[in-house]
Protein backbone atom coordinates (compact mmCIF):
# COMPACT_ATOMS: atom_id res chain seq x y z
CA MET A 1 36.85 36.10 -48.85
CA SER A 2 33.43 37.03 -47.72
CA LEU A 3 30.57 34.61 -47.46
CA ASN A 4 27.41 35.32 -49.32
CA PRO A 5 24.11 35.21 -47.35
CA SER A 6 23.16 31.67 -48.42
CA GLN A 7 26.53 30.32 -47.28
CA THR A 8 26.14 32.09 -43.92
CA GLU A 9 22.70 30.55 -43.39
CA LYS A 10 23.99 27.07 -44.20
CA SER A 11 26.96 27.55 -41.89
CA THR A 12 24.73 28.80 -39.04
CA LYS A 13 22.17 26.04 -39.46
CA SER A 14 24.77 23.30 -39.43
CA THR A 15 26.60 24.57 -36.32
CA ILE A 16 23.60 25.31 -34.08
CA PRO A 17 22.30 22.11 -32.55
CA ASP A 18 18.58 21.48 -32.28
CA LEU A 19 18.13 22.26 -28.59
CA PHE A 20 14.46 21.36 -28.43
CA PRO A 21 13.67 18.34 -30.57
CA ALA A 22 10.00 17.87 -31.35
CA GLY A 23 9.96 14.46 -29.65
CA LEU A 24 11.19 15.90 -26.35
CA ALA A 25 7.91 17.71 -25.68
CA GLU A 26 5.92 14.57 -26.44
CA THR A 27 8.17 12.47 -24.20
CA GLY A 28 7.81 14.97 -21.38
CA LYS A 29 4.05 15.03 -21.81
CA LYS A 30 3.85 11.23 -21.67
CA ARG A 31 5.96 11.12 -18.53
CA VAL A 32 3.82 13.74 -16.80
CA GLU A 33 0.70 11.81 -17.82
CA GLY A 34 2.29 8.67 -16.33
CA ILE A 35 2.95 10.44 -13.05
CA ILE A 36 -0.60 11.80 -12.94
CA LYS A 37 -1.98 8.33 -13.64
CA LEU A 38 0.16 6.94 -10.82
CA GLN A 39 -1.16 9.58 -8.44
CA VAL A 40 -4.78 8.89 -9.43
CA GLU A 41 -4.34 5.12 -9.02
CA LEU A 42 -2.61 5.50 -5.67
CA PHE A 43 -5.24 7.96 -4.46
CA LYS A 44 -7.98 5.43 -5.31
CA TYR A 45 -6.02 2.72 -3.56
CA PHE A 46 -5.54 4.83 -0.43
CA GLN A 47 -9.23 5.73 -0.32
CA GLU A 48 -10.17 2.06 -0.47
CA ALA A 49 -7.59 1.11 2.15
CA ASN A 50 -8.80 3.92 4.44
CA ARG A 51 -12.41 2.73 4.12
CA ASN A 52 -11.34 -0.82 4.99
CA TRP A 53 -9.32 0.26 8.01
CA LEU A 54 -12.11 2.56 9.22
CA ALA A 55 -14.52 -0.37 9.04
CA ARG A 56 -12.00 -2.40 11.03
CA MET A 57 -11.81 0.29 13.72
CA GLN A 58 -15.59 0.34 13.93
CA THR A 59 -15.57 -3.43 14.37
CA GLU A 60 -13.02 -3.03 17.16
CA ALA A 61 -15.19 -0.39 18.86
CA GLY A 62 -18.22 -2.68 18.62
CA LEU A 63 -16.22 -5.58 20.06
CA THR A 64 -15.05 -3.44 22.96
CA SER A 65 -18.57 -2.21 23.65
CA GLU A 66 -19.91 -5.77 23.52
CA PHE A 67 -17.11 -6.98 25.79
CA SER A 68 -17.82 -4.23 28.34
CA ALA A 69 -21.53 -5.10 28.43
CA LYS A 70 -20.85 -8.83 28.84
CA LEU A 71 -18.23 -8.19 31.51
CA ALA A 72 -20.62 -5.96 33.45
CA ALA A 73 -23.32 -8.65 33.21
CA ALA A 74 -21.03 -11.45 34.43
CA ARG A 75 -22.07 -12.71 37.88
CA SER A 76 -19.21 -15.05 38.71
CA ILE A 77 -15.50 -15.55 38.18
CA PRO A 78 -16.04 -18.40 35.67
CA GLU A 79 -18.43 -16.19 33.67
CA THR A 80 -15.91 -13.35 33.74
CA GLY A 81 -13.17 -15.74 32.60
CA ALA A 82 -15.35 -17.03 29.76
CA VAL A 83 -16.12 -13.48 28.61
CA CYS A 84 -12.42 -12.56 28.69
CA GLN A 85 -11.46 -15.70 26.79
CA GLU A 86 -14.15 -15.05 24.18
CA TRP A 87 -12.90 -11.49 23.78
CA ALA A 88 -9.27 -12.63 23.48
CA ASN A 89 -10.17 -15.27 20.88
CA ARG A 90 -12.14 -12.77 18.80
CA HIS A 91 -9.34 -10.25 19.13
CA ILE A 92 -6.80 -12.79 17.87
CA GLU A 93 -9.05 -13.55 14.88
CA LEU A 94 -9.25 -9.84 14.08
CA LEU A 95 -5.47 -9.47 14.35
CA ALA A 96 -5.01 -12.35 11.90
CA GLU A 97 -7.44 -10.64 9.50
CA ASP A 98 -5.54 -7.37 9.96
CA ALA A 99 -2.26 -9.06 9.03
CA LYS A 100 -3.80 -10.55 5.89
CA ARG A 101 -5.32 -7.20 4.94
CA LEU A 102 -2.03 -5.40 5.51
CA VAL A 103 -0.16 -7.85 3.28
CA ALA A 104 -2.85 -7.61 0.59
CA ASP A 105 -2.90 -3.79 0.76
CA THR A 106 0.89 -3.60 0.53
CA GLU A 107 0.93 -6.02 -2.38
CA LYS A 108 -1.75 -4.05 -4.22
CA PHE A 109 0.10 -0.79 -3.59
CA MET A 110 3.35 -2.20 -4.96
CA GLU A 111 1.66 -3.74 -8.01
CA THR A 112 -0.18 -0.52 -8.84
CA GLY A 113 2.96 1.55 -8.54
CA ALA A 114 5.03 -0.89 -10.59
CA GLN A 115 2.44 -1.13 -13.37
CA VAL A 116 1.95 2.59 -13.70
CA LEU A 117 5.66 3.35 -13.54
CA ALA A 118 6.46 0.65 -16.09
CA GLN A 119 3.81 2.02 -18.44
CA GLY A 120 5.10 5.54 -17.93
CA TRP A 121 8.71 4.60 -18.69
CA THR A 122 7.68 2.55 -21.70
CA ALA A 123 5.53 5.36 -23.04
CA GLY A 124 8.32 7.86 -22.50
CA ASN A 125 10.90 5.78 -24.34
CA SER A 126 8.87 5.07 -27.45
């Protein structure tokens, strides 16, 4: 019993699975776009954070320069003590600001990553 050509085609088509469904390419494209979006968002975030921390370092340098000048100008032990206390108080204020900034930066980083990843997974599954 030989199969005619139309029966062979039907048999071949039904046994060979569709290895590359049309939706797979679109899903892959959406996932790649999600990853690229994540990278762009994180890059923007890191640029902003770097600018903020650079400004903080410049503030620290200015504080140190100011402290050195005041310390050199001090004429007595009480003046020197007052300058040191002023410097320590200002330094503690800056450290508190640093802690707040670090928490805010970390929170923003986590939110950005979570939003972009959630959008990417959602887009890929639709």
